[in-house]
Amino acid sequence: MRYVMVSVSLAAAIGVLYLVVPWFAKNLLRRRLMTRARQRGCVCLTFDDGPDPRSTPRILQLLDAAGAKGTFFLLGRQAQQHPELVRQIAASGHEVGEHGHAHRHAWKTGPVSYLRDLLQGRRSLAYALGADTVRVFRPAFGELNLLTLVYLLVGRRRLVMWDVNPRDFEQQTGSEVAALVLRSLEPGGIVLLHDGRADAPGSADVTVDAVRLILVEAARRGLRLTTASEAAGPR
């Protein structure tokens, strides 16, 4: 009986270390980034799960025309299929971020498989860019485990979460997405959008149309749209 109690206590301690501590770290880092962005008067448009030839080039055109910068958290498997889009994002002055290789959930994937996914995603982006220059990271589904924290520390990646999530992949029109974003968008805001649609329903046109409307209103409000790294400032 004593052995069972010790085993249960040990398992609980490991669970706290593996999942709960990273959860607190995630929220602390999220608040710190938004505070810095607010102090600099910045807003960040971020895009997950790309690159996708149906939407990424059009979003880049809209951002460039508006003089705005965005951060694109790319999946390694998508980067392998469309390396030219990875290079186009970087060449246009936007920020490339890591998002894993195959969108693995940190809580539902075994440690070995999860770490392999992180490393494979990193290699895919480095290959597309010609160098390991990526310095920002967003975990799939927004969840971390202890391996994620170690990966961030060793790789000197900056964690970038969000505070505005219109769930664009579930909406029917770009105007719906834009309305959800603009309702709470202010300096310090970090918006989560999706230029990738590999595993999500909905049309890529919805996000593209939403970006167009958001950029028009952001310009009217005088909001400065920057990359996540610029909003956060120096380490």
C-alpha atoms as a PDB file:
ATOM      1  CA  MET A   1       0.000   0.000   0.000  1.00  0.00           C
ATOM      2  CA  ARG A   2       2.824   2.337   0.898  1.00  0.00           C
ATOM      3  CA  TYR A   3       4.504   1.553  -2.410  1.00  0.00           C
ATOM      4  CA  VAL A   4       1.307   2.436  -4.277  1.00  0.00           C
ATOM      5  CA  MET A   5       0.995   5.757  -2.442  1.00  0.00           C
ATOM      6  CA  VAL A   6       4.602   6.649  -3.221  1.00  0.00           C
ATOM      7  CA  SER A   7       4.068   5.754  -6.882  1.00  0.00           C
ATOM      8  CA  VAL A   8       0.933   7.903  -7.072  1.00  0.00           C
ATOM      9  CA  SER A   9       2.716  10.824  -5.422  1.00  0.00           C
ATOM     10  CA  LEU A  10       5.638  10.491  -7.808  1.00  0.00           C
ATOM     11  CA  ALA A  11       3.325  10.362 -10.817  1.00  0.00           C
ATOM     12  CA  ALA A  12       1.507  13.468  -9.576  1.00  0.00           C
ATOM     13  CA  ALA A  13       4.791  15.317  -9.091  1.00  0.00           C
ATOM     14  CA  ILE A  14       5.922  14.393 -12.594  1.00  0.00           C
ATOM     15  CA  GLY A  15       2.571  15.525 -13.986  1.00  0.00           C
ATOM     16  CA  VAL A  16       2.879  18.902 -12.259  1.00  0.00           C
ATOM     17  CA  LEU A  17       6.398  19.347 -13.564  1.00  0.00           C
ATOM     18  CA  TYR A  18       5.554  18.203 -17.093  1.00  0.00           C
ATOM     19  CA  LEU A  19       2.265  20.069 -17.628  1.00  0.00           C
ATOM     20  CA  VAL A  20       1.304  22.482 -14.839  1.00  0.00           C
ATOM     21  CA  VAL A  21       4.585  24.400 -14.545  1.00  0.00           C
ATOM     22  CA  PRO A  22       4.661  25.034 -18.333  1.00  0.00           C
ATOM     23  CA  TRP A  23       1.046  26.257 -18.148  1.00  0.00           C
ATOM     24  CA  PHE A  24       2.003  28.921 -15.604  1.00  0.00           C
ATOM     25  CA  ALA A  25       5.119  29.811 -17.611  1.00  0.00           C
ATOM     26  CA  LYS A  26       3.023  30.197 -20.760  1.00  0.00           C
ATOM     27  CA  ASN A  27       0.674  32.680 -19.135  1.00  0.00           C
ATOM     28  CA  LEU A  28       3.512  34.645 -17.575  1.00  0.00           C
ATOM     29  CA  LEU A  29       5.343  34.956 -20.904  1.00  0.00           C
ATOM     30  CA  ARG A  30       2.100  35.829 -22.687  1.00  0.00           C
ATOM     31  CA  ARG A  31       1.369  38.711 -20.315  1.00  0.00           C
ATOM     32  CA  ARG A  32       4.919  39.996 -20.564  1.00  0.00           C
ATOM     33  CA  LEU A  33       4.816  40.098 -24.364  1.00  0.00           C
ATOM     34  CA  MET A  34       1.472  41.909 -24.432  1.00  0.00           C
ATOM     35  CA  THR A  35       2.704  44.422 -21.864  1.00  0.00           C
ATOM     36  CA  ARG A  36       5.751  45.212 -23.979  1.00  0.00           C
ATOM     37  CA  ALA A  37       3.642  45.480 -27.130  1.00  0.00           C
ATOM     38  CA  ARG A  38       1.237  47.838 -25.366  1.00  0.00           C
ATOM     39  CA  GLN A  39       4.123  50.004 -24.148  1.00  0.00           C
ATOM     40  CA  ARG A  40       5.350  50.302 -27.741  1.00  0.00           C
ATOM     41  CA  GLY A  41       1.855  50.945 -29.089  1.00  0.00           C
ATOM     42  CA  CYS A  42       2.017  47.869 -31.322  1.00  0.00           C
ATOM     43  CA  VAL A  43      -0.538  45.429 -32.652  1.00  0.00           C
ATOM     44  CA  CYS A  44       0.510  42.036 -34.037  1.00  0.00           C
ATOM     45  CA  LEU A  45      -1.272  40.096 -36.749  1.00  0.00           C
ATOM     46  CA  THR A  46      -0.095  36.497 -36.552  1.00  0.00           C
ATOM     47  CA  PHE A  47      -0.885  33.625 -38.884  1.00  0.00           C
ATOM     48  CA  ASP A  48      -0.747  29.899 -38.118  1.00  0.00           C
ATOM     49  CA  ASP A  49      -0.556  26.620 -40.040  1.00  0.00           C
ATOM     50  CA  GLY A  50       0.806  27.906 -43.362  1.00  0.00           C
ATOM     51  CA  PRO A  51       2.255  28.540 -45.753  1.00  0.00           C
ATOM     52  CA  ASP A  52      -0.630  27.878 -48.122  1.00  0.00           C
ATOM     53  CA  PRO A  53      -0.597  28.919 -51.802  1.00  0.00           C
ATOM     54  CA  ARG A  54      -4.334  29.678 -51.637  1.00  0.00           C
ATOM     55  CA  SER A  55      -4.002  32.406 -49.040  1.00  0.00           C
ATOM     56  CA  THR A  56      -0.441  33.252 -47.982  1.00  0.00           C
ATOM     57  CA  PRO A  57       0.548  35.175 -51.157  1.00  0.00           C
ATOM     58  CA  ARG A  58      -2.647  37.239 -51.040  1.00  0.00           C
ATOM     59  CA  ILE A  59      -2.177  38.048 -47.359  1.00  0.00           C
ATOM     60  CA  LEU A  60       1.405  39.120 -48.070  1.00  0.00           C
ATOM     61  CA  GLN A  61       0.177  41.447 -50.827  1.00  0.00           C
ATOM     62  CA  LEU A  62      -2.339  43.046 -48.464  1.00  0.00           C
ATOM     63  CA  LEU A  63       0.221  43.510 -45.687  1.00  0.00           C
ATOM     64  CA  ASP A  64       2.807  44.944 -48.050  1.00  0.00           C
ATOM     65  CA  ALA A  65       0.307  47.372 -49.603  1.00  0.00           C
ATOM     66  CA  ALA A  66      -0.643  48.588 -46.120  1.00  0.00           C
ATOM     67  CA  GLY A  67       2.956  48.918 -44.957  1.00  0.00           C
ATOM     68  CA  ALA A  68       2.191  46.415 -42.187  1.00  0.00           C
ATOM     69  CA  LYS A  69       4.276  43.539 -40.891  1.00  0.00           C
ATOM     70  CA  GLY A  70       3.049  40.147 -39.708  1.00  0.00           C
ATOM     71  CA  THR A  71       4.389  37.016 -38.069  1.00  0.00           C
ATOM     72  CA  PHE A  72       3.762  33.640 -39.713  1.00  0.00           C
ATOM     73  CA  PHE A  73       3.982  30.505 -37.576  1.00  0.00           C
ATOM     74  CA  LEU A  74       4.631  27.845 -40.176  1.00  0.00           C
ATOM     75  CA  LEU A  75       4.230  24.103 -40.042  1.00  0.00           C
ATOM     76  CA  GLY A  76       7.267  22.150 -41.164  1.00  0.00           C
ATOM     77  CA  ARG A  77       5.223  19.881 -43.409  1.00  0.00           C
ATOM     78  CA  GLN A  78       3.792  22.907 -45.206  1.00  0.00           C
ATOM     79  CA  ALA A  79       7.225  24.485 -45.501  1.00  0.00           C
ATOM     80  CA  GLN A  80       8.505  21.320 -47.146  1.00  0.00           C
ATOM     81  CA  GLN A  81       5.762  21.527 -49.754  1.00  0.00           C
ATOM     82  CA  HIS A  82       6.060  25.293 -50.349  1.00  0.00           C
ATOM     83  CA  PRO A  83       9.593  26.466 -49.507  1.00  0.00           C
ATOM     84  CA  GLU A  84       9.282  29.335 -51.971  1.00  0.00           C
ATOM     85  CA  LEU A  85       6.493  30.822 -49.843  1.00  0.00           C
ATOM     86  CA  VAL A  86       8.638  30.587 -46.715  1.00  0.00           C
ATOM     87  CA  ARG A  87      11.331  32.574 -48.509  1.00  0.00           C
ATOM     88  CA  GLN A  88       8.769  35.061 -49.827  1.00  0.00           C
ATOM     89  CA  ILE A  89       7.523  35.761 -46.293  1.00  0.00           C
ATOM     90  CA  ALA A  90      11.038  36.460 -45.055  1.00  0.00           C
ATOM     91  CA  ALA A  91      12.067  38.437 -48.142  1.00  0.00           C
ATOM     92  CA  SER A  92       9.055  40.732 -47.685  1.00  0.00           C
ATOM     93  CA  GLY A  93      10.244  41.694 -44.220  1.00  0.00           C
ATOM     94  CA  HIS A  94       7.743  39.620 -42.284  1.00  0.00           C
ATOM     95  CA  GLU A  95       8.645  37.269 -39.478  1.00  0.00           C
ATOM     96  CA  VAL A  96       8.812  33.495 -39.782  1.00  0.00           C
ATOM     97  CA  GLY A  97       7.992  31.517 -36.651  1.00  0.00           C
ATOM     98  CA  GLU A  98       7.989  27.843 -35.726  1.00  0.00           C
ATOM     99  CA  HIS A  99       4.782  25.883 -35.167  1.00  0.00           C
ATOM    100  CA  GLY A 100       6.079  22.330 -35.111  1.00  0.00           C
ATOM    101  CA  HIS A 101       6.048  19.976 -38.066  1.00  0.00           C
ATOM    102  CA  ALA A 102       2.657  18.249 -38.039  1.00  0.00           C
ATOM    103  CA  HIS A 103       0.634  20.240 -35.477  1.00  0.00           C
ATOM    104  CA  ARG A 104       1.102  17.840 -32.539  1.00  0.00           C
ATOM    105  CA  HIS A 105      -0.657  18.554 -29.251  1.00  0.00           C
ATOM    106  CA  ALA A 106       1.849  18.882 -26.402  1.00  0.00           C
ATOM    107  CA  TRP A 107      -0.461  17.112 -23.936  1.00  0.00           C
ATOM    108  CA  LYS A 108      -1.621  14.306 -26.235  1.00  0.00           C
ATOM    109  CA  THR A 109       1.655  13.298 -27.856  1.00  0.00           C
ATOM    110  CA  GLY A 110       4.353  11.164 -26.276  1.00  0.00           C
ATOM    111  CA  PRO A 111       7.546  13.002 -25.291  1.00  0.00           C
ATOM    112  CA  VAL A 112       9.743  11.331 -27.915  1.00  0.00           C
ATOM    113  CA  SER A 113       7.263  11.899 -30.753  1.00  0.00           C
ATOM    114  CA  TYR A 114       6.658  15.472 -29.616  1.00  0.00           C
ATOM    115  CA  LEU A 115      10.346  16.363 -29.487  1.00  0.00           C
ATOM    116  CA  ARG A 116      10.879  14.732 -32.869  1.00  0.00           C
ATOM    117  CA  ASP A 117       8.062  16.878 -34.283  1.00  0.00           C
ATOM    118  CA  LEU A 118       9.641  20.074 -32.910  1.00  0.00           C
ATOM    119  CA  LEU A 119      13.051  19.247 -34.327  1.00  0.00           C
ATOM    120  CA  GLN A 120      11.655  18.209 -37.700  1.00  0.00           C
ATOM    121  CA  GLY A 121       9.700  21.447 -37.975  1.00  0.00           C
ATOM    122  CA  ARG A 122      12.820  23.421 -37.123  1.00  0.00           C
ATOM    123  CA  ARG A 123      14.887  21.622 -39.757  1.00  0.00           C
ATOM    124  CA  SER A 124      12.215  22.151 -42.424  1.00  0.00           C
ATOM    125  CA  LEU A 125      12.174  25.914 -41.875  1.00  0.00           C
ATOM    126  CA  ALA A 126      15.965  26.123 -41.710  1.00  0.00           C
ATOM    127  CA  TYR A 127      16.201  24.244 -44.997  1.00  0.00           C
ATOM    128  CA  ALA A 128      13.665  26.524 -46.695  1.00  0.00           C
ATOM    129  CA  LEU A 129      15.382  29.682 -45.407  1.00  0.00           C
ATOM    130  CA  GLY A 130      18.916  28.424 -45.939  1.00  0.00           C
ATOM    131  CA  ALA A 131      19.807  28.964 -42.271  1.00  0.00           C
ATOM    132  CA  ASP A 132      18.422  28.474 -38.774  1.00  0.00           C
ATOM    133  CA  THR A 133      17.309  32.090 -38.319  1.00  0.00           C
ATOM    134  CA  VAL A 134      13.879  31.599 -36.729  1.00  0.00           C
ATOM    135  CA  ARG A 135      13.613  33.004 -33.210  1.00  0.00           C
ATOM    136  CA  VAL A 136       9.905  32.896 -32.337  1.00  0.00           C
ATOM    137  CA  PHE A 137       7.725  29.901 -31.570  1.00  0.00           C
ATOM    138  CA  ARG A 138       4.039  29.156 -31.065  1.00  0.00           C
ATOM    139  CA  PRO A 139       2.971  25.697 -29.898  1.00  0.00           C
ATOM    140  CA  ALA A 140       0.226  23.869 -31.745  1.00  0.00           C
ATOM    141  CA  PHE A 141      -3.135  24.313 -29.983  1.00  0.00           C
ATOM    142  CA  GLY A 142      -1.424  26.840 -27.705  1.00  0.00           C
ATOM    143  CA  GLU A 143      -0.343  24.179 -25.199  1.00  0.00           C
ATOM    144  CA  LEU A 144       3.095  23.504 -23.741  1.00  0.00           C
ATOM    145  CA  ASN A 145       4.805  20.754 -21.808  1.00  0.00           C
ATOM    146  CA  LEU A 146       8.166  20.619 -20.076  1.00  0.00           C
ATOM    147  CA  LEU A 147       9.897  19.667 -23.322  1.00  0.00           C
ATOM    148  CA  THR A 148       8.524  22.817 -24.950  1.00  0.00           C
ATOM    149  CA  LEU A 149      10.077  24.990 -22.258  1.00  0.00           C
ATOM    150  CA  VAL A 150      13.427  23.227 -22.563  1.00  0.00           C
ATOM    151  CA  TYR A 151      13.256  23.597 -26.329  1.00  0.00           C
ATOM    152  CA  LEU A 152      12.573  27.329 -26.023  1.00  0.00           C
ATOM    153  CA  LEU A 153      15.439  27.859 -23.602  1.00  0.00           C
ATOM    154  CA  VAL A 154      18.023  25.791 -25.470  1.00  0.00           C
ATOM    155  CA  GLY A 155      17.007  27.125 -28.873  1.00  0.00           C
ATOM    156  CA  ARG A 156      16.619  30.712 -27.611  1.00  0.00           C
ATOM    157  CA  ARG A 157      13.132  30.933 -29.047  1.00  0.00           C
ATOM    158  CA  ARG A 158      10.630  33.525 -27.853  1.00  0.00           C
ATOM    159  CA  LEU A 159       7.166  32.199 -27.041  1.00  0.00           C
ATOM    160  CA  VAL A 160       4.353  34.109 -28.771  1.00  0.00           C
ATOM    161  CA  MET A 161       0.764  33.458 -27.731  1.00  0.00           C
ATOM    162  CA  TRP A 162      -2.302  35.637 -28.445  1.00  0.00           C
ATOM    163  CA  ASP A 163      -5.204  37.449 -26.821  1.00  0.00           C
ATOM    164  CA  VAL A 164      -7.575  37.924 -29.784  1.00  0.00           C
ATOM    165  CA  ASN A 165      -8.843  34.740 -31.410  1.00  0.00           C
ATOM    166  CA  PRO A 166     -11.793  35.085 -33.815  1.00  0.00           C
ATOM    167  CA  ARG A 167     -11.544  31.384 -34.801  1.00  0.00           C
ATOM    168  CA  ASP A 168     -11.464  32.445 -38.420  1.00  0.00           C
ATOM    169  CA  PHE A 169     -11.566  28.862 -39.675  1.00  0.00           C
ATOM    170  CA  GLU A 170     -15.075  28.477 -38.226  1.00  0.00           C
ATOM    171  CA  GLN A 171     -16.586  31.704 -39.576  1.00  0.00           C
ATOM    172  CA  GLN A 172     -18.503  32.039 -42.823  1.00  0.00           C
ATOM    173  CA  THR A 173     -17.376  35.500 -43.951  1.00  0.00           C
ATOM    174  CA  GLY A 174     -14.401  37.786 -43.599  1.00  0.00           C
ATOM    175  CA  SER A 175     -16.618  40.518 -42.183  1.00  0.00           C
ATOM    176  CA  GLU A 176     -17.578  38.241 -39.285  1.00  0.00           C
ATOM    177  CA  VAL A 177     -13.919  37.583 -38.506  1.00  0.00           C
ATOM    178  CA  ALA A 178     -12.984  41.255 -38.820  1.00  0.00           C
ATOM    179  CA  ALA A 179     -15.827  42.313 -36.524  1.00  0.00           C
ATOM    180  CA  LEU A 180     -14.690  39.852 -33.850  1.00  0.00           C
ATOM    181  CA  VAL A 181     -11.121  41.127 -34.091  1.00  0.00           C
ATOM    182  CA  LEU A 182     -11.868  44.834 -34.212  1.00  0.00           C
ATOM    183  CA  ARG A 183     -14.256  44.631 -31.269  1.00  0.00           C
ATOM    184  CA  SER A 184     -11.310  44.265 -28.879  1.00  0.00           C
ATOM    185  CA  LEU A 185      -8.273  45.281 -30.908  1.00  0.00           C
ATOM    186  CA  GLU A 186      -6.084  47.882 -29.219  1.00  0.00           C
ATOM    187  CA  PRO A 187      -2.360  48.512 -28.677  1.00  0.00           C
ATOM    188  CA  GLY A 188      -0.792  45.404 -27.191  1.00  0.00           C
ATOM    189  CA  GLY A 189      -3.196  43.086 -28.996  1.00  0.00           C
ATOM    190  CA  ILE A 190      -1.914  39.900 -30.601  1.00  0.00           C
ATOM    191  CA  VAL A 191      -4.362  38.483 -33.144  1.00  0.00           C
ATOM    192  CA  LEU A 192      -4.494  34.796 -34.056  1.00  0.00           C
ATOM    193  CA  LEU A 193      -5.468  34.103 -37.666  1.00  0.00           C
ATOM    194  CA  HIS A 194      -4.821  31.156 -39.991  1.00  0.00           C
ATOM    195  CA  ASP A 195      -3.362  31.316 -43.474  1.00  0.00           C
ATOM    196  CA  GLY A 196      -3.152  27.505 -43.456  1.00  0.00           C
ATOM    197  CA  ARG A 197      -6.201  25.314 -43.927  1.00  0.00           C
ATOM    198  CA  ALA A 198      -4.713  21.797 -44.102  1.00  0.00           C
ATOM    199  CA  ASP A 199      -6.698  20.442 -41.131  1.00  0.00           C
ATOM    200  CA  ALA A 200      -9.393  23.073 -40.717  1.00  0.00           C
ATOM    201  CA  PRO A 201     -12.784  23.687 -42.313  1.00  0.00           C
ATOM    202  CA  GLY A 202     -13.773  26.912 -43.984  1.00  0.00           C
ATOM    203  CA  SER A 203     -12.545  28.798 -46.996  1.00  0.00           C
ATOM    204  CA  ALA A 204      -9.163  30.512 -47.174  1.00  0.00           C
ATOM    205  CA  ASP A 205     -11.013  33.481 -48.692  1.00  0.00           C
ATOM    206  CA  VAL A 206     -12.554  34.194 -45.282  1.00  0.00           C
ATOM    207  CA  THR A 207      -9.220  35.000 -43.668  1.00  0.00           C
ATOM    208  CA  VAL A 208      -7.961  36.934 -46.667  1.00  0.00           C
ATOM    209  CA  ASP A 209     -11.089  39.112 -46.693  1.00  0.00           C
ATOM    210  CA  ALA A 210     -10.822  39.589 -42.932  1.00  0.00           C
ATOM    211  CA  VAL A 211      -7.226  40.776 -43.214  1.00  0.00           C
ATOM    212  CA  ARG A 212      -8.249  43.331 -45.831  1.00  0.00           C
ATOM    213  CA  LEU A 213     -10.945  44.767 -43.557  1.00  0.00           C
ATOM    214  CA  ILE A 214      -8.745  44.698 -40.442  1.00  0.00           C
ATOM    215  CA  LEU A 215      -5.963  46.584 -42.204  1.00  0.00           C
ATOM    216  CA  VAL A 216      -8.322  49.325 -43.369  1.00  0.00           C
ATOM    217  CA  GLU A 217      -9.735  49.868 -39.882  1.00  0.00           C
ATOM    218  CA  ALA A 218      -6.320  49.596 -38.204  1.00  0.00           C
ATOM    219  CA  ALA A 219      -5.045  52.362 -40.459  1.00  0.00           C
ATOM    220  CA  ARG A 220      -8.069  54.497 -39.623  1.00  0.00           C
ATOM    221  CA  ARG A 221      -7.389  54.029 -35.901  1.00  0.00           C
ATOM    222  CA  GLY A 222      -3.688  54.738 -36.316  1.00  0.00           C
ATOM    223  CA  LEU A 223      -2.615  51.324 -35.036  1.00  0.00           C
ATOM    224  CA  ARG A 224       0.957  50.233 -35.795  1.00  0.00           C
ATOM    225  CA  LEU A 225       1.129  46.642 -37.075  1.00  0.00           C
ATOM    226  CA  THR A 226       4.478  44.995 -36.395  1.00  0.00           C
ATOM    227  CA  THR A 227       6.088  41.600 -36.060  1.00  0.00           C
ATOM    228  CA  ALA A 228       5.989  39.887 -32.695  1.00  0.00           C
ATOM    229  CA  SER A 229       9.734  40.337 -32.184  1.00  0.00           C
ATOM    230  CA  GLU A 230       9.542  44.066 -32.899  1.00  0.00           C
ATOM    231  CA  ALA A 231       6.613  44.410 -30.509  1.00  0.00           C
ATOM    232  CA  ALA A 232       8.499  42.557 -27.769  1.00  0.00           C
ATOM    233  CA  GLY A 233      11.706  44.513 -28.216  1.00  0.00           C
ATOM    234  CA  PRO A 234      15.180  43.303 -27.199  1.00  0.00           C
ATOM    235  CA  ARG A 235      15.510  40.350 -24.848  1.00  0.00           C
END
